[in-house]
Amino acid sequence: MNLIEKQPDALMRQIEDVIARAKPPGRDIFLAVRFDNASYEELAERHGISAKRVEKAIARLMTRILLVGRPRRWQFWRR
């Protein structure tokens, strides 16, 4: 049994916390792509950055979300 099967509500709270703690531009970009179906180009224009930076902001937040519930040893670079 993994964490999702044991405590789905606790996992969702942790994921929501990761998103809430993200810095505003990255959080706004992530939420717009995931829930508003905004394109990278549209968000790049809206925020005055390149589409590649939009992609990196999403990847950065997705990485943090994927690490939720994992043992701390997997996050050795975040000491």
C-alpha atoms as a PDB file:
ATOM      1  CA  MET A   1       0.000   0.000   0.000  1.00  0.00           C
ATOM      2  CA  ASN A   2       1.361   3.397  -0.924  1.00  0.00           C
ATOM      3  CA  LEU A   3       0.616   6.840   0.508  1.00  0.00           C
ATOM      4  CA  ILE A   4      -2.177   7.498  -1.997  1.00  0.00           C
ATOM      5  CA  GLU A   5      -4.066   4.390  -0.895  1.00  0.00           C
ATOM      6  CA  LYS A   6      -3.431   4.951   2.819  1.00  0.00           C
ATOM      7  CA  GLN A   7      -4.172   8.664   3.174  1.00  0.00           C
ATOM      8  CA  PRO A   8      -5.514  10.329   0.019  1.00  0.00           C
ATOM      9  CA  ASP A   9      -6.734  13.415   1.903  1.00  0.00           C
ATOM     10  CA  ALA A  10      -3.364  13.974   3.557  1.00  0.00           C
ATOM     11  CA  LEU A  11      -1.613  13.641   0.213  1.00  0.00           C
ATOM     12  CA  MET A  12      -3.955  16.161  -1.423  1.00  0.00           C
ATOM     13  CA  ARG A  13      -3.346  18.621   1.412  1.00  0.00           C
ATOM     14  CA  GLN A  14       0.406  18.268   0.918  1.00  0.00           C
ATOM     15  CA  ILE A  15       0.078  18.834  -2.823  1.00  0.00           C
ATOM     16  CA  GLU A  16      -2.138  21.885  -2.267  1.00  0.00           C
ATOM     17  CA  ASP A  17       0.432  23.196   0.221  1.00  0.00           C
ATOM     18  CA  VAL A  18       3.243  22.814  -2.328  1.00  0.00           C
ATOM     19  CA  ILE A  19       1.221  24.763  -4.891  1.00  0.00           C
ATOM     20  CA  ALA A  20       0.230  27.431  -2.351  1.00  0.00           C
ATOM     21  CA  ARG A  21       3.856  27.939  -1.258  1.00  0.00           C
ATOM     22  CA  ALA A  22       5.118  28.340  -4.835  1.00  0.00           C
ATOM     23  CA  LYS A  23       6.095  31.841  -5.882  1.00  0.00           C
ATOM     24  CA  PRO A  24       3.313  33.759  -7.665  1.00  0.00           C
ATOM     25  CA  PRO A  25       4.535  33.728 -11.283  1.00  0.00           C
ATOM     26  CA  GLY A  26       5.246  29.986 -11.232  1.00  0.00           C
ATOM     27  CA  ARG A  27       2.059  29.171  -9.360  1.00  0.00           C
ATOM     28  CA  ASP A  28      -0.062  31.326 -11.679  1.00  0.00           C
ATOM     29  CA  ILE A  29       1.486  29.761 -14.773  1.00  0.00           C
ATOM     30  CA  PHE A  30       1.009  26.226 -13.433  1.00  0.00           C
ATOM     31  CA  LEU A  31      -2.628  26.813 -12.513  1.00  0.00           C
ATOM     32  CA  ALA A  32      -3.395  28.504 -15.844  1.00  0.00           C
ATOM     33  CA  VAL A  33      -1.955  25.599 -17.830  1.00  0.00           C
ATOM     34  CA  ARG A  34      -3.573  22.876 -15.723  1.00  0.00           C
ATOM     35  CA  PHE A  35      -7.012  24.369 -15.119  1.00  0.00           C
ATOM     36  CA  ASP A  36      -7.582  27.084 -17.748  1.00  0.00           C
ATOM     37  CA  ASN A  37      -5.958  25.188 -20.637  1.00  0.00           C
ATOM     38  CA  ALA A  38      -3.820  28.223 -21.469  1.00  0.00           C
ATOM     39  CA  SER A  39      -1.045  27.716 -24.017  1.00  0.00           C
ATOM     40  CA  TYR A  40       2.611  28.282 -23.205  1.00  0.00           C
ATOM     41  CA  GLU A  41       2.781  31.032 -25.831  1.00  0.00           C
ATOM     42  CA  GLU A  42      -0.239  32.816 -24.371  1.00  0.00           C
ATOM     43  CA  LEU A  43       1.240  32.704 -20.863  1.00  0.00           C
ATOM     44  CA  ALA A  44       4.651  33.805 -22.110  1.00  0.00           C
ATOM     45  CA  GLU A  45       3.083  36.865 -23.704  1.00  0.00           C
ATOM     46  CA  ARG A  46       0.950  37.586 -20.631  1.00  0.00           C
ATOM     47  CA  HIS A  47       3.934  37.401 -18.244  1.00  0.00           C
ATOM     48  CA  GLY A  48       6.523  38.930 -20.566  1.00  0.00           C
ATOM     49  CA  ILE A  49       8.767  35.864 -20.623  1.00  0.00           C
ATOM     50  CA  SER A  50       9.730  33.221 -23.179  1.00  0.00           C
ATOM     51  CA  ALA A  51       7.726  30.048 -23.756  1.00  0.00           C
ATOM     52  CA  LYS A  52      10.774  28.083 -22.574  1.00  0.00           C
ATOM     53  CA  ARG A  53      10.629  29.855 -19.183  1.00  0.00           C
ATOM     54  CA  VAL A  54       6.945  28.972 -18.949  1.00  0.00           C
ATOM     55  CA  GLU A  55       7.869  25.348 -19.576  1.00  0.00           C
ATOM     56  CA  LYS A  56      10.596  25.459 -16.926  1.00  0.00           C
ATOM     57  CA  ALA A  57       8.256  27.025 -14.349  1.00  0.00           C
ATOM     58  CA  ILE A  58       5.750  24.222 -14.873  1.00  0.00           C
ATOM     59  CA  ALA A  59       8.458  21.549 -14.708  1.00  0.00           C
ATOM     60  CA  ARG A  60       9.850  23.027 -11.492  1.00  0.00           C
ATOM     61  CA  LEU A  61       6.485  22.913  -9.744  1.00  0.00           C
ATOM     62  CA  MET A  62       5.638  19.464 -11.112  1.00  0.00           C
ATOM     63  CA  THR A  63       8.926  18.163  -9.703  1.00  0.00           C
ATOM     64  CA  ARG A  64       8.024  19.509  -6.275  1.00  0.00           C
ATOM     65  CA  ILE A  65       4.585  17.916  -6.495  1.00  0.00           C
ATOM     66  CA  LEU A  66       6.061  14.562  -7.529  1.00  0.00           C
ATOM     67  CA  LEU A  67       8.341  14.604  -4.472  1.00  0.00           C
ATOM     68  CA  VAL A  68       5.386  14.915  -2.068  1.00  0.00           C
ATOM     69  CA  GLY A  69       5.199  11.889   0.187  1.00  0.00           C
ATOM     70  CA  ARG A  70       8.658  10.611  -0.675  1.00  0.00           C
ATOM     71  CA  PRO A  71      11.258  10.094   2.012  1.00  0.00           C
ATOM     72  CA  ARG A  72      13.534  13.048   2.609  1.00  0.00           C
ATOM     73  CA  ARG A  73      16.589  11.111   1.386  1.00  0.00           C
ATOM     74  CA  TRP A  74      15.401  11.581  -2.199  1.00  0.00           C
ATOM     75  CA  GLN A  75      15.719  15.328  -1.732  1.00  0.00           C
ATOM     76  CA  PHE A  76      19.437  15.385  -0.949  1.00  0.00           C
ATOM     77  CA  TRP A  77      19.963  18.579  -2.969  1.00  0.00           C
ATOM     78  CA  ARG A  78      17.540  20.549  -0.746  1.00  0.00           C
ATOM     79  CA  ARG A  79      19.441  20.532   2.521  1.00  0.00           C
END
